[in-house]
């Protein structure tokens, strides 16, 4: 349930059976020693704050997961991440402040990248947006200071306010002529339209 192992700072390993359907909000928040976790096949939603500031360095999100809640994986020390296409929307602040995160692959099927979903990921320099993302919400990648280039797929219909704001190293942006871009989405970085 909710807060089940919240702040169990010495918890290093736990295994849950595939019969588990729900992991409550804040369940593993601040479990600093928890380096890996296998999400049970029965779980379809990662609740709000579930792994916030846990020690996860290894994370596989299986395709049974359909939703990632608010701040579910914020501040974890993971380096690479694959978001399966079973997830239609990446929740707000879901991976915020994952300082070690260098690479993200978003698989086909994902349609919305939530507000601040990957904001302040200070090491993020490779983003593959796949071919189905339609909306990049406000501040989704804000302050990702190591990001130097991004190719926005033609599926993206709208890039909202400050989606790539304060990405101080971002120099190369390729985006479709048909994509609606908020005037401050890129902090006035030159955008190449195709």
C-alpha atoms as a PDB file:
ATOM      1  CA  UNK A   1       0.000   0.000   0.000  1.00  0.00           C
ATOM      2  CA  UNK A   2       0.889   3.647   0.142  1.00  0.00           C
ATOM      3  CA  UNK A   3       4.064   4.479   2.095  1.00  0.00           C
ATOM      4  CA  UNK A   4       4.748   0.728   2.584  1.00  0.00           C
ATOM      5  CA  UNK A   5       8.556   1.073   2.637  1.00  0.00           C
ATOM      6  CA  UNK A   6       8.774   4.866   2.628  1.00  0.00           C
ATOM      7  CA  UNK A   7      12.137   6.086   3.944  1.00  0.00           C
ATOM      8  CA  UNK A   8      13.485   2.576   4.557  1.00  0.00           C
ATOM      9  CA  UNK A   9      16.942   3.908   3.784  1.00  0.00           C
ATOM     10  CA  UNK A  10      18.669   0.541   4.399  1.00  0.00           C
ATOM     11  CA  UNK A  11      16.341  -1.542   2.197  1.00  0.00           C
ATOM     12  CA  UNK A  12      18.661  -3.022  -0.464  1.00  0.00           C
ATOM     13  CA  UNK A  13      16.558  -5.767  -2.061  1.00  0.00           C
ATOM     14  CA  UNK A  14      12.938  -6.701  -2.375  1.00  0.00           C
ATOM     15  CA  UNK A  15      11.090  -9.051  -4.678  1.00  0.00           C
ATOM     16  CA  UNK A  16       7.369  -8.854  -5.299  1.00  0.00           C
ATOM     17  CA  UNK A  17       5.363 -11.609  -7.042  1.00  0.00           C
ATOM     18  CA  UNK A  18       3.698 -11.000 -10.417  1.00  0.00           C
ATOM     19  CA  UNK A  19       0.324 -11.346  -8.685  1.00  0.00           C
ATOM     20  CA  UNK A  20       0.821  -7.864  -7.181  1.00  0.00           C
ATOM     21  CA  UNK A  21      -1.493  -5.448  -9.017  1.00  0.00           C
ATOM     22  CA  UNK A  22      -0.697  -2.168  -7.258  1.00  0.00           C
ATOM     23  CA  UNK A  23       2.347  -0.600  -5.653  1.00  0.00           C
ATOM     24  CA  UNK A  24       1.060   2.314  -3.608  1.00  0.00           C
ATOM     25  CA  UNK A  25       2.190   5.902  -3.803  1.00  0.00           C
ATOM     26  CA  UNK A  26       5.413   6.688  -1.921  1.00  0.00           C
ATOM     27  CA  UNK A  27       5.982   2.940  -1.470  1.00  0.00           C
ATOM     28  CA  UNK A  28       9.760   3.091  -2.003  1.00  0.00           C
ATOM     29  CA  UNK A  29      10.389   6.819  -1.591  1.00  0.00           C
ATOM     30  CA  UNK A  30      13.855   7.586  -0.206  1.00  0.00           C
ATOM     31  CA  UNK A  31      14.960   3.928  -0.261  1.00  0.00           C
ATOM     32  CA  UNK A  32      18.523   4.972  -1.077  1.00  0.00           C
ATOM     33  CA  UNK A  33      20.050   1.481  -0.970  1.00  0.00           C
ATOM     34  CA  UNK A  34      17.476  -0.022  -3.378  1.00  0.00           C
ATOM     35  CA  UNK A  35      19.602  -0.179  -6.561  1.00  0.00           C
ATOM     36  CA  UNK A  36      17.347  -2.341  -8.731  1.00  0.00           C
ATOM     37  CA  UNK A  37      13.736  -3.381  -8.759  1.00  0.00           C
ATOM     38  CA  UNK A  38      11.686  -5.688 -10.959  1.00  0.00           C
ATOM     39  CA  UNK A  39       8.226  -4.327 -11.575  1.00  0.00           C
ATOM     40  CA  UNK A  40       5.744  -7.221 -11.244  1.00  0.00           C
ATOM     41  CA  UNK A  41       3.878  -8.229 -14.428  1.00  0.00           C
ATOM     42  CA  UNK A  42       0.545  -7.492 -12.753  1.00  0.00           C
ATOM     43  CA  UNK A  43       1.313  -3.808 -12.154  1.00  0.00           C
ATOM     44  CA  UNK A  44      -0.141  -1.478 -14.794  1.00  0.00           C
ATOM     45  CA  UNK A  45       0.452   1.901 -13.127  1.00  0.00           C
ATOM     46  CA  UNK A  46       3.390   3.336 -11.244  1.00  0.00           C
ATOM     47  CA  UNK A  47       1.731   5.587  -8.676  1.00  0.00           C
ATOM     48  CA  UNK A  48       2.745   9.096  -7.620  1.00  0.00           C
ATOM     49  CA  UNK A  49       6.061   9.374  -5.784  1.00  0.00           C
ATOM     50  CA  UNK A  50       6.499   5.571  -5.771  1.00  0.00           C
ATOM     51  CA  UNK A  51      10.294   5.541  -6.249  1.00  0.00           C
ATOM     52  CA  UNK A  52      11.038   9.237  -5.653  1.00  0.00           C
ATOM     53  CA  UNK A  53      14.683   9.592  -4.559  1.00  0.00           C
ATOM     54  CA  UNK A  54      15.216   5.823  -4.359  1.00  0.00           C
ATOM     55  CA  UNK A  55      18.681   4.518  -5.224  1.00  0.00           C
ATOM     56  CA  UNK A  56      17.654   2.862  -8.505  1.00  0.00           C
ATOM     57  CA  UNK A  57      20.566   2.552 -10.917  1.00  0.00           C
ATOM     58  CA  UNK A  58      18.888  -0.194 -12.949  1.00  0.00           C
ATOM     59  CA  UNK A  59      15.326   0.108 -14.137  1.00  0.00           C
ATOM     60  CA  UNK A  60      13.347  -1.872 -16.680  1.00  0.00           C
ATOM     61  CA  UNK A  61       9.814  -0.728 -17.242  1.00  0.00           C
ATOM     62  CA  UNK A  62       7.926  -3.702 -18.691  1.00  0.00           C
ATOM     63  CA  UNK A  63       5.190  -3.327 -21.285  1.00  0.00           C
ATOM     64  CA  UNK A  64       2.468  -4.227 -18.800  1.00  0.00           C
ATOM     65  CA  UNK A  65       2.889  -0.721 -17.337  1.00  0.00           C
ATOM     66  CA  UNK A  66       0.395   1.704 -18.902  1.00  0.00           C
ATOM     67  CA  UNK A  67       0.881   4.802 -16.724  1.00  0.00           C
ATOM     68  CA  UNK A  68       3.703   6.562 -14.910  1.00  0.00           C
ATOM     69  CA  UNK A  69       2.382   8.891 -12.225  1.00  0.00           C
ATOM     70  CA  UNK A  70       3.484  12.259 -10.932  1.00  0.00           C
ATOM     71  CA  UNK A  71       7.084  12.247  -9.697  1.00  0.00           C
ATOM     72  CA  UNK A  72       7.150   8.433  -9.765  1.00  0.00           C
ATOM     73  CA  UNK A  73      10.887   8.128 -10.520  1.00  0.00           C
ATOM     74  CA  UNK A  74      12.139  11.643  -9.735  1.00  0.00           C
ATOM     75  CA  UNK A  75      15.705  11.982  -8.438  1.00  0.00           C
ATOM     76  CA  UNK A  76      16.847   8.401  -9.078  1.00  0.00           C
ATOM     77  CA  UNK A  77      20.490   7.857 -10.184  1.00  0.00           C
ATOM     78  CA  UNK A  78      19.707   5.889 -13.361  1.00  0.00           C
ATOM     79  CA  UNK A  79      21.931   6.427 -16.437  1.00  0.00           C
ATOM     80  CA  UNK A  80      19.783   5.125 -19.290  1.00  0.00           C
ATOM     81  CA  UNK A  81      16.105   4.536 -19.751  1.00  0.00           C
ATOM     82  CA  UNK A  82      13.672   2.987 -22.207  1.00  0.00           C
ATOM     83  CA  UNK A  83      10.021   4.023 -22.003  1.00  0.00           C
ATOM     84  CA  UNK A  84       7.855   1.259 -23.531  1.00  0.00           C
ATOM     85  CA  UNK A  85       5.140   2.057 -26.039  1.00  0.00           C
ATOM     86  CA  UNK A  86       2.493   0.703 -23.672  1.00  0.00           C
ATOM     87  CA  UNK A  87       2.695   4.024 -21.818  1.00  0.00           C
ATOM     88  CA  UNK A  88       0.609   6.678 -23.580  1.00  0.00           C
ATOM     89  CA  UNK A  89       1.558   9.561 -21.296  1.00  0.00           C
ATOM     90  CA  UNK A  90       4.669  10.101 -19.190  1.00  0.00           C
ATOM     91  CA  UNK A  91       3.416  11.831 -16.050  1.00  0.00           C
ATOM     92  CA  UNK A  92       4.448  15.265 -14.849  1.00  0.00           C
ATOM     93  CA  UNK A  93       7.824  15.423 -13.112  1.00  0.00           C
ATOM     94  CA  UNK A  94       8.135  11.638 -13.583  1.00  0.00           C
ATOM     95  CA  UNK A  95      11.937  11.645 -14.064  1.00  0.00           C
ATOM     96  CA  UNK A  96      12.716  15.160 -12.811  1.00  0.00           C
ATOM     97  CA  UNK A  97      16.220  15.748 -11.468  1.00  0.00           C
ATOM     98  CA  UNK A  98      17.615  12.365 -12.500  1.00  0.00           C
ATOM     99  CA  UNK A  99      21.073  13.931 -12.554  1.00  0.00           C
ATOM    100  CA  UNK A 100      22.919  10.878 -13.881  1.00  0.00           C
ATOM    101  CA  UNK A 101      20.455  10.139 -16.693  1.00  0.00           C
ATOM    102  CA  UNK A 102      22.352  10.347 -19.991  1.00  0.00           C
ATOM    103  CA  UNK A 103      20.118   8.611 -22.516  1.00  0.00           C
ATOM    104  CA  UNK A 104      16.369   8.200 -23.017  1.00  0.00           C
ATOM    105  CA  UNK A 105      14.616   6.140 -25.674  1.00  0.00           C
ATOM    106  CA  UNK A 106      10.879   6.682 -26.012  1.00  0.00           C
ATOM    107  CA  UNK A 107       9.291   3.803 -27.897  1.00  0.00           C
ATOM    108  CA  UNK A 108       6.490   4.088 -30.417  1.00  0.00           C
ATOM    109  CA  UNK A 109       3.140   4.248 -28.653  1.00  0.00           C
ATOM    110  CA  UNK A 110       3.990   7.080 -26.255  1.00  0.00           C
ATOM    111  CA  UNK A 111       1.929  10.173 -27.164  1.00  0.00           C
ATOM    112  CA  UNK A 112       2.475  12.767 -24.426  1.00  0.00           C
ATOM    113  CA  UNK A 113       5.584  13.789 -22.509  1.00  0.00           C
ATOM    114  CA  UNK A 114       4.292  15.445 -19.353  1.00  0.00           C
ATOM    115  CA  UNK A 115       5.185  18.743 -17.757  1.00  0.00           C
ATOM    116  CA  UNK A 116       8.763  18.696 -16.427  1.00  0.00           C
ATOM    117  CA  UNK A 117       8.912  14.941 -17.080  1.00  0.00           C
ATOM    118  CA  UNK A 118      12.674  15.066 -17.760  1.00  0.00           C
ATOM    119  CA  UNK A 119      13.489  18.566 -16.469  1.00  0.00           C
ATOM    120  CA  UNK A 120      16.815  19.188 -14.769  1.00  0.00           C
ATOM    121  CA  UNK A 121      18.356  15.925 -15.943  1.00  0.00           C
ATOM    122  CA  UNK A 122      21.766  17.589 -15.980  1.00  0.00           C
ATOM    123  CA  UNK A 123      23.587  14.742 -17.825  1.00  0.00           C
ATOM    124  CA  UNK A 124      20.932  13.973 -20.453  1.00  0.00           C
ATOM    125  CA  UNK A 125      22.507  14.255 -23.903  1.00  0.00           C
ATOM    126  CA  UNK A 126      20.723  11.635 -26.042  1.00  0.00           C
ATOM    127  CA  UNK A 127      16.953  11.661 -26.566  1.00  0.00           C
ATOM    128  CA  UNK A 128      15.162   9.408 -29.040  1.00  0.00           C
ATOM    129  CA  UNK A 129      11.550  10.574 -29.204  1.00  0.00           C
ATOM    130  CA  UNK A 130      10.329   7.697 -31.382  1.00  0.00           C
ATOM    131  CA  UNK A 131       7.596   8.281 -33.967  1.00  0.00           C
ATOM    132  CA  UNK A 132       4.341   8.714 -32.039  1.00  0.00           C
ATOM    133  CA  UNK A 133       4.862  11.543 -29.529  1.00  0.00           C
ATOM    134  CA  UNK A 134       2.238  14.212 -30.284  1.00  0.00           C
ATOM    135  CA  UNK A 135       2.632  16.705 -27.419  1.00  0.00           C
ATOM    136  CA  UNK A 136       5.682  17.847 -25.477  1.00  0.00           C
ATOM    137  CA  UNK A 137       4.300  19.629 -22.430  1.00  0.00           C
ATOM    138  CA  UNK A 138       5.601  22.709 -20.617  1.00  0.00           C
ATOM    139  CA  UNK A 139       9.193  22.486 -19.383  1.00  0.00           C
ATOM    140  CA  UNK A 140       9.410  18.778 -20.299  1.00  0.00           C
ATOM    141  CA  UNK A 141      13.175  18.940 -20.895  1.00  0.00           C
ATOM    142  CA  UNK A 142      13.947  22.278 -19.236  1.00  0.00           C
ATOM    143  CA  UNK A 143      17.496  22.771 -17.923  1.00  0.00           C
ATOM    144  CA  UNK A 144      18.886  19.645 -19.581  1.00  0.00           C
ATOM    145  CA  UNK A 145      22.189  21.482 -19.945  1.00  0.00           C
ATOM    146  CA  UNK A 146      24.164  18.707 -21.706  1.00  0.00           C
ATOM    147  CA  UNK A 147      21.666  18.306 -24.550  1.00  0.00           C
ATOM    148  CA  UNK A 148      23.276  19.584 -27.770  1.00  0.00           C
ATOM    149  CA  UNK A 149      20.814  18.410 -30.432  1.00  0.00           C
ATOM    150  CA  UNK A 150      17.283  17.107 -30.794  1.00  0.00           C
ATOM    151  CA  UNK A 151      15.322  15.751 -33.752  1.00  0.00           C
ATOM    152  CA  UNK A 152      11.602  16.270 -33.231  1.00  0.00           C
ATOM    153  CA  UNK A 153       9.597  13.642 -35.161  1.00  0.00           C
ATOM    154  CA  UNK A 154       6.817  14.773 -37.550  1.00  0.00           C
ATOM    155  CA  UNK A 155       4.255  13.166 -35.188  1.00  0.00           C
ATOM    156  CA  UNK A 156       4.752  16.049 -32.728  1.00  0.00           C
ATOM    157  CA  UNK A 157       1.860  18.475 -33.130  1.00  0.00           C
ATOM    158  CA  UNK A 158       2.763  20.868 -30.316  1.00  0.00           C
ATOM    159  CA  UNK A 159       5.811  21.871 -28.285  1.00  0.00           C
ATOM    160  CA  UNK A 160       4.699  23.915 -25.304  1.00  0.00           C
ATOM    161  CA  UNK A 161       6.164  26.747 -23.213  1.00  0.00           C
ATOM    162  CA  UNK A 162       9.795  26.293 -22.159  1.00  0.00           C
ATOM    163  CA  UNK A 163       9.735  22.611 -23.208  1.00  0.00           C
ATOM    164  CA  UNK A 164      13.460  22.953 -23.957  1.00  0.00           C
ATOM    165  CA  UNK A 165      14.026  26.146 -21.970  1.00  0.00           C
ATOM    166  CA  UNK A 166      17.423  26.778 -20.410  1.00  0.00           C
ATOM    167  CA  UNK A 167      19.015  23.931 -22.394  1.00  0.00           C
ATOM    168  CA  UNK A 168      22.178  26.024 -22.601  1.00  0.00           C
ATOM    169  CA  UNK A 169      24.131  23.609 -24.856  1.00  0.00           C
ATOM    170  CA  UNK A 170      21.291  22.989 -27.323  1.00  0.00           C
ATOM    171  CA  UNK A 171      22.362  24.183 -30.772  1.00  0.00           C
ATOM    172  CA  UNK A 172      20.815  21.798 -33.305  1.00  0.00           C
ATOM    173  CA  UNK A 173      17.027  21.437 -33.429  1.00  0.00           C
ATOM    174  CA  UNK A 174      15.201  19.815 -36.334  1.00  0.00           C
ATOM    175  CA  UNK A 175      11.412  19.984 -36.407  1.00  0.00           C
ATOM    176  CA  UNK A 176       8.570  19.676 -38.910  1.00  0.00           C
ATOM    177  CA  UNK A 177       7.036  22.794 -40.474  1.00  0.00           C
ATOM    178  CA  UNK A 178       3.622  21.631 -39.247  1.00  0.00           C
ATOM    179  CA  UNK A 179       4.568  21.503 -35.550  1.00  0.00           C
ATOM    180  CA  UNK A 180       3.110  24.294 -33.416  1.00  0.00           C
ATOM    181  CA  UNK A 181       5.935  25.724 -31.284  1.00  0.00           C
ATOM    182  CA  UNK A 182       5.435  28.108 -28.378  1.00  0.00           C
ATOM    183  CA  UNK A 183       7.602  31.180 -28.922  1.00  0.00           C
ATOM    184  CA  UNK A 184       9.589  30.418 -25.750  1.00  0.00           C
ATOM    185  CA  UNK A 185       9.778  26.638 -26.167  1.00  0.00           C
ATOM    186  CA  UNK A 186      13.492  26.761 -27.045  1.00  0.00           C
ATOM    187  CA  UNK A 187      14.601  30.029 -25.435  1.00  0.00           C
ATOM    188  CA  UNK A 188      15.112  31.564 -28.885  1.00  0.00           C
ATOM    189  CA  UNK A 189      17.523  28.898 -30.133  1.00  0.00           C
ATOM    190  CA  UNK A 190      17.751  28.669 -33.931  1.00  0.00           C
ATOM    191  CA  UNK A 191      15.396  25.977 -35.192  1.00  0.00           C
ATOM    192  CA  UNK A 192      15.790  24.150 -38.480  1.00  0.00           C
ATOM    193  CA  UNK A 193      12.386  23.420 -40.017  1.00  0.00           C
ATOM    194  CA  UNK A 194      11.983  20.479 -42.421  1.00  0.00           C
END
